[in-house]
Amino acid sequence: MKAYSTQTERTYDSWEDLVAEEANGYGVVVMMQAESLKSASPQTYSRLIGPFDDQKKARNKAAAVRRAWKRAKDRDPRIQLLGVSVEPIWPDLRFGTRN
């Protein structure tokens, strides 16, 4: 199946080819949920770890995050790990700029 980039208006043979050509590496997204101390309502948030130049390094870091979460004994019980994923970092993500 072909993959089309709306950023560059180019067509690639596969999604993997598009990611390899246009992504700025990979990041590990850690999604968590915490219980608010005041209202006891859930608050969901995420953190990005990276960038990593190749997907294998990012996957290794994601596995390390999962293992560290399971081992942590002194973690606040109100915080839950919802998921850890490896995602491509796209050029249109500009951190620290206002465009």
N, C-alpha and C. Protein backbone atom coordinates (compact mmCIF):
# COMPACT_ATOMS: atom_id res chain seq x y z
N MET A 1 0.84 -1.17 0.00
CA MET A 1 0.00 0.00 0.00
C MET A 1 0.89 1.25 0.00
N LYS A 2 0.54 2.21 -0.78
CA LYS A 2 1.28 3.46 -0.87
C LYS A 2 0.98 4.35 0.33
N ALA A 3 1.95 5.19 0.67
CA ALA A 3 1.77 6.16 1.76
C ALA A 3 2.03 7.54 1.20
N TYR A 4 1.13 8.48 1.52
CA TYR A 4 1.22 9.84 1.01
C TYR A 4 1.53 10.81 2.15
N SER A 5 2.48 11.70 1.93
CA SER A 5 2.84 12.71 2.92
C SER A 5 2.16 14.02 2.57
N THR A 6 1.34 14.53 3.47
CA THR A 6 0.70 15.82 3.24
C THR A 6 1.67 16.97 3.47
N GLN A 7 2.76 16.72 4.20
CA GLN A 7 3.76 17.77 4.45
C GLN A 7 4.57 18.08 3.19
N THR A 8 5.02 17.02 2.51
CA THR A 8 5.89 17.21 1.34
C THR A 8 5.19 16.90 0.02
N GLU A 9 3.95 16.39 0.11
CA GLU A 9 3.17 16.01 -1.07
C GLU A 9 3.89 14.96 -1.93
N ARG A 10 4.58 14.04 -1.25
CA ARG A 10 5.26 12.94 -1.93
C ARG A 10 4.58 11.63 -1.58
N THR A 11 4.66 10.68 -2.51
CA THR A 11 4.12 9.34 -2.31
C THR A 11 5.26 8.36 -2.13
N TYR A 12 5.12 7.48 -1.14
CA TYR A 12 6.14 6.47 -0.84
C TYR A 12 5.54 5.09 -1.02
N ASP A 13 6.40 4.09 -1.20
CA ASP A 13 5.93 2.72 -1.40
C ASP A 13 5.28 2.13 -0.15
N SER A 14 5.70 2.59 1.04
CA SER A 14 5.12 2.05 2.27
C SER A 14 5.20 3.10 3.37
N TRP A 15 4.49 2.84 4.46
CA TRP A 15 4.53 3.73 5.62
C TRP A 15 5.94 3.77 6.21
N GLU A 16 6.62 2.63 6.24
CA GLU A 16 7.97 2.57 6.77
C GLU A 16 8.92 3.45 5.97
N ASP A 17 8.76 3.47 4.65
CA ASP A 17 9.60 4.33 3.80
C ASP A 17 9.34 5.80 4.09
N LEU A 18 8.08 6.16 4.29
CA LEU A 18 7.73 7.55 4.61
C LEU A 18 8.36 7.96 5.94
N VAL A 19 8.24 7.11 6.95
CA VAL A 19 8.80 7.42 8.27
C VAL A 19 10.32 7.54 8.18
N ALA A 20 10.96 6.62 7.47
CA ALA A 20 12.42 6.64 7.35
C ALA A 20 12.91 7.91 6.67
N GLU A 21 12.15 8.40 5.72
CA GLU A 21 12.57 9.57 4.94
C GLU A 21 12.26 10.89 5.64
N GLU A 22 11.11 11.00 6.30
CA GLU A 22 10.66 12.30 6.78
C GLU A 22 10.68 12.51 8.29
N ALA A 23 10.76 11.45 9.08
CA ALA A 23 10.75 11.61 10.54
C ALA A 23 12.11 12.08 11.04
N ASN A 24 12.09 12.79 12.15
CA ASN A 24 13.32 13.26 12.79
C ASN A 24 13.71 12.32 13.93
N GLY A 25 13.72 11.04 13.68
CA GLY A 25 14.02 10.07 14.71
C GLY A 25 12.76 9.58 15.40
N TYR A 26 12.96 9.00 16.58
CA TYR A 26 11.86 8.40 17.32
C TYR A 26 11.86 8.90 18.75
N GLY A 27 10.70 8.88 19.37
CA GLY A 27 10.57 9.25 20.76
C GLY A 27 9.76 8.20 21.50
N VAL A 28 10.00 8.10 22.79
CA VAL A 28 9.24 7.20 23.65
C VAL A 28 8.21 8.04 24.39
N VAL A 29 6.94 7.73 24.19
CA VAL A 29 5.86 8.46 24.84
C VAL A 29 5.38 7.63 26.03
N VAL A 30 5.46 8.23 27.22
CA VAL A 30 5.03 7.57 28.45
C VAL A 30 3.74 8.24 28.90
N MET A 31 2.64 7.47 28.93
CA MET A 31 1.33 8.01 29.31
C MET A 31 0.98 7.54 30.71
N MET A 32 0.62 8.49 31.57
CA MET A 32 0.31 8.18 32.96
C MET A 32 -0.99 8.84 33.38
N GLN A 33 -1.53 8.35 34.47
CA GLN A 33 -2.74 8.94 35.04
C GLN A 33 -2.54 9.04 36.55
N ALA A 34 -2.86 10.20 37.09
CA ALA A 34 -2.73 10.43 38.53
C ALA A 34 -4.06 10.89 39.09
N GLU A 35 -4.25 10.61 40.35
CA GLU A 35 -5.45 11.06 41.04
C GLU A 35 -5.16 12.40 41.68
N SER A 36 -6.00 13.39 41.43
CA SER A 36 -5.83 14.72 42.00
C SER A 36 -5.98 14.67 43.51
N LEU A 37 -5.08 15.36 44.21
CA LEU A 37 -5.15 15.39 45.67
C LEU A 37 -6.37 16.17 46.16
N LYS A 38 -6.76 17.21 45.43
CA LYS A 38 -7.89 18.05 45.86
C LYS A 38 -9.24 17.45 45.50
N SER A 39 -9.40 17.07 44.24
CA SER A 39 -10.72 16.64 43.78
C SER A 39 -10.87 15.12 43.62
N ALA A 40 -9.77 14.39 43.70
CA ALA A 40 -9.76 12.94 43.50
C ALA A 40 -10.17 12.54 42.08
N SER A 41 -10.17 13.49 41.17
CA SER A 41 -10.49 13.18 39.78
C SER A 41 -9.21 12.77 39.04
N PRO A 42 -9.34 11.97 37.99
CA PRO A 42 -8.15 11.52 37.27
C PRO A 42 -7.57 12.64 36.39
N GLN A 43 -6.26 12.72 36.36
CA GLN A 43 -5.54 13.65 35.49
C GLN A 43 -4.59 12.83 34.63
N THR A 44 -4.76 12.92 33.32
CA THR A 44 -3.94 12.15 32.40
C THR A 44 -2.89 13.06 31.79
N TYR A 45 -1.67 12.56 31.71
CA TYR A 45 -0.59 13.35 31.12
C TYR A 45 0.42 12.41 30.48
N SER A 46 1.30 12.97 29.68
CA SER A 46 2.32 12.15 29.02
C SER A 46 3.65 12.89 29.03
N ARG A 47 4.69 12.11 28.84
CA ARG A 47 6.06 12.64 28.76
C ARG A 47 6.72 12.02 27.54
N LEU A 48 7.56 12.81 26.89
CA LEU A 48 8.31 12.34 25.73
C LEU A 48 9.77 12.18 26.13
N ILE A 49 10.33 11.02 25.87
CA ILE A 49 11.75 10.76 26.09
C ILE A 49 12.39 10.61 24.72
N GLY A 50 13.46 11.32 24.49
CA GLY A 50 14.14 11.20 23.20
C GLY A 50 14.67 12.54 22.77
N PRO A 51 15.06 12.70 21.57
CA PRO A 51 14.89 11.81 20.42
C PRO A 51 15.96 10.72 20.34
N PHE A 52 15.61 9.64 19.66
CA PHE A 52 16.53 8.55 19.37
C PHE A 52 16.68 8.48 17.86
N ASP A 53 17.89 8.20 17.40
CA ASP A 53 18.12 8.21 15.95
C ASP A 53 17.59 6.97 15.24
N ASP A 54 17.40 5.87 15.95
CA ASP A 54 16.78 4.72 15.30
C ASP A 54 15.74 4.08 16.21
N GLN A 55 14.87 3.31 15.59
CA GLN A 55 13.72 2.75 16.29
C GLN A 55 14.14 1.71 17.33
N LYS A 56 15.21 0.98 17.07
CA LYS A 56 15.65 -0.05 18.02
C LYS A 56 16.06 0.56 19.35
N LYS A 57 16.79 1.67 19.32
CA LYS A 57 17.19 2.34 20.56
C LYS A 57 15.96 2.84 21.32
N ALA A 58 14.99 3.35 20.60
CA ALA A 58 13.76 3.83 21.23
C ALA A 58 12.98 2.67 21.86
N ARG A 59 12.91 1.54 21.17
CA ARG A 59 12.22 0.37 21.72
C ARG A 59 12.93 -0.14 22.98
N ASN A 60 14.26 -0.12 22.97
CA ASN A 60 15.01 -0.54 24.15
C ASN A 60 14.72 0.38 25.34
N LYS A 61 14.64 1.68 25.08
CA LYS A 61 14.33 2.62 26.15
C LYS A 61 12.91 2.41 26.66
N ALA A 62 11.97 2.16 25.76
CA ALA A 62 10.59 1.90 26.17
C ALA A 62 10.51 0.67 27.07
N ALA A 63 11.24 -0.38 26.72
CA ALA A 63 11.27 -1.58 27.55
C ALA A 63 11.90 -1.29 28.91
N ALA A 64 12.93 -0.46 28.93
CA ALA A 64 13.57 -0.08 30.20
C ALA A 64 12.61 0.71 31.08
N VAL A 65 11.81 1.58 30.48
CA VAL A 65 10.82 2.35 31.24
C VAL A 65 9.79 1.40 31.86
N ARG A 66 9.30 0.43 31.08
CA ARG A 66 8.32 -0.53 31.60
C ARG A 66 8.90 -1.34 32.76
N ARG A 67 10.16 -1.80 32.60
CA ARG A 67 10.80 -2.59 33.67
C ARG A 67 11.00 -1.75 34.92
N ALA A 68 11.44 -0.50 34.74
CA ALA A 68 11.67 0.38 35.90
C ALA A 68 10.36 0.66 36.63
N TRP A 69 9.26 0.79 35.87
CA TRP A 69 7.96 1.05 36.50
C TRP A 69 7.54 -0.15 37.36
N LYS A 70 7.76 -1.35 36.86
CA LYS A 70 7.39 -2.55 37.62
C LYS A 70 8.24 -2.71 38.88
N ARG A 71 9.51 -2.31 38.81
CA ARG A 71 10.42 -2.46 39.95
C ARG A 71 10.25 -1.40 41.02
N ALA A 72 9.73 -0.24 40.66
CA ALA A 72 9.67 0.89 41.60
C ALA A 72 8.75 0.55 42.78
N LYS A 73 9.31 0.51 43.97
CA LYS A 73 8.54 0.18 45.17
C LYS A 73 8.04 1.43 45.89
N ASP A 74 8.75 2.54 45.75
CA ASP A 74 8.39 3.75 46.48
C ASP A 74 7.53 4.70 45.66
N ARG A 75 6.94 4.20 44.58
CA ARG A 75 6.11 5.03 43.70
C ARG A 75 4.78 5.35 44.40
N ASP A 76 4.28 6.52 44.13
CA ASP A 76 2.98 6.94 44.66
C ASP A 76 1.89 6.03 44.09
N PRO A 77 1.08 5.38 44.92
CA PRO A 77 0.07 4.45 44.41
C PRO A 77 -1.05 5.12 43.62
N ARG A 78 -1.17 6.43 43.71
CA ARG A 78 -2.21 7.14 42.94
C ARG A 78 -1.83 7.32 41.47
N ILE A 79 -0.57 7.04 41.13
CA ILE A 79 -0.11 7.22 39.75
C ILE A 79 -0.11 5.86 39.05
N GLN A 80 -0.74 5.81 37.88
CA GLN A 80 -0.82 4.58 37.09
C GLN A 80 -0.12 4.80 35.76
N LEU A 81 0.55 3.78 35.29
CA LEU A 81 1.14 3.80 33.95
C LEU A 81 0.08 3.30 32.98
N LEU A 82 -0.35 4.16 32.06
CA LEU A 82 -1.37 3.78 31.08
C LEU A 82 -0.75 3.08 29.88
N GLY A 83 0.44 3.52 29.48
CA GLY A 83 1.09 2.91 28.33
C GLY A 83 2.40 3.56 27.99
N VAL A 84 3.20 2.82 27.24
CA VAL A 84 4.47 3.31 26.73
C VAL A 84 4.51 2.95 25.26
N SER A 85 4.77 3.91 24.40
CA SER A 85 4.82 3.62 22.96
C SER A 85 6.00 4.33 22.31
N VAL A 86 6.42 3.79 21.19
CA VAL A 86 7.49 4.38 20.39
C VAL A 86 6.83 5.03 19.18
N GLU A 87 7.07 6.32 19.01
CA GLU A 87 6.44 7.08 17.93
C GLU A 87 7.48 7.85 17.14
N PRO A 88 7.26 8.02 15.83
CA PRO A 88 8.16 8.88 15.05
C PRO A 88 7.98 10.34 15.45
N ILE A 89 9.06 11.09 15.40
CA ILE A 89 9.00 12.52 15.68
C ILE A 89 8.98 13.24 14.33
N TRP A 90 7.92 13.98 14.09
CA TRP A 90 7.73 14.62 12.79
C TRP A 90 8.31 16.03 12.79
N PRO A 91 8.72 16.53 11.64
CA PRO A 91 9.32 17.87 11.56
C PRO A 91 8.39 18.99 11.96
N ASP A 92 7.07 18.79 11.92
CA ASP A 92 6.15 19.88 12.25
C ASP A 92 5.98 20.07 13.75
N LEU A 93 6.64 19.26 14.58
CA LEU A 93 6.63 19.46 16.02
C LEU A 93 7.75 20.42 16.39
N ARG A 94 7.39 21.66 16.65
CA ARG A 94 8.39 22.68 16.99
C ARG A 94 8.27 22.99 18.47
N PHE A 95 9.24 22.57 19.23
CA PHE A 95 9.21 22.80 20.66
C PHE A 95 9.85 24.14 20.97
N GLY A 96 9.19 24.92 21.83
CA GLY A 96 9.75 26.19 22.25
C GLY A 96 9.55 27.32 21.26
N THR A 97 8.70 27.14 20.26
CA THR A 97 8.44 28.20 19.29
C THR A 97 6.94 28.47 19.25
N ARG A 98 6.59 29.62 18.78
CA ARG A 98 5.18 29.99 18.62
C ARG A 98 4.91 30.29 17.16
N ASN A 99 4.47 29.31 16.44
CA ASN A 99 4.13 29.48 15.02
C ASN A 99 2.70 29.10 14.78
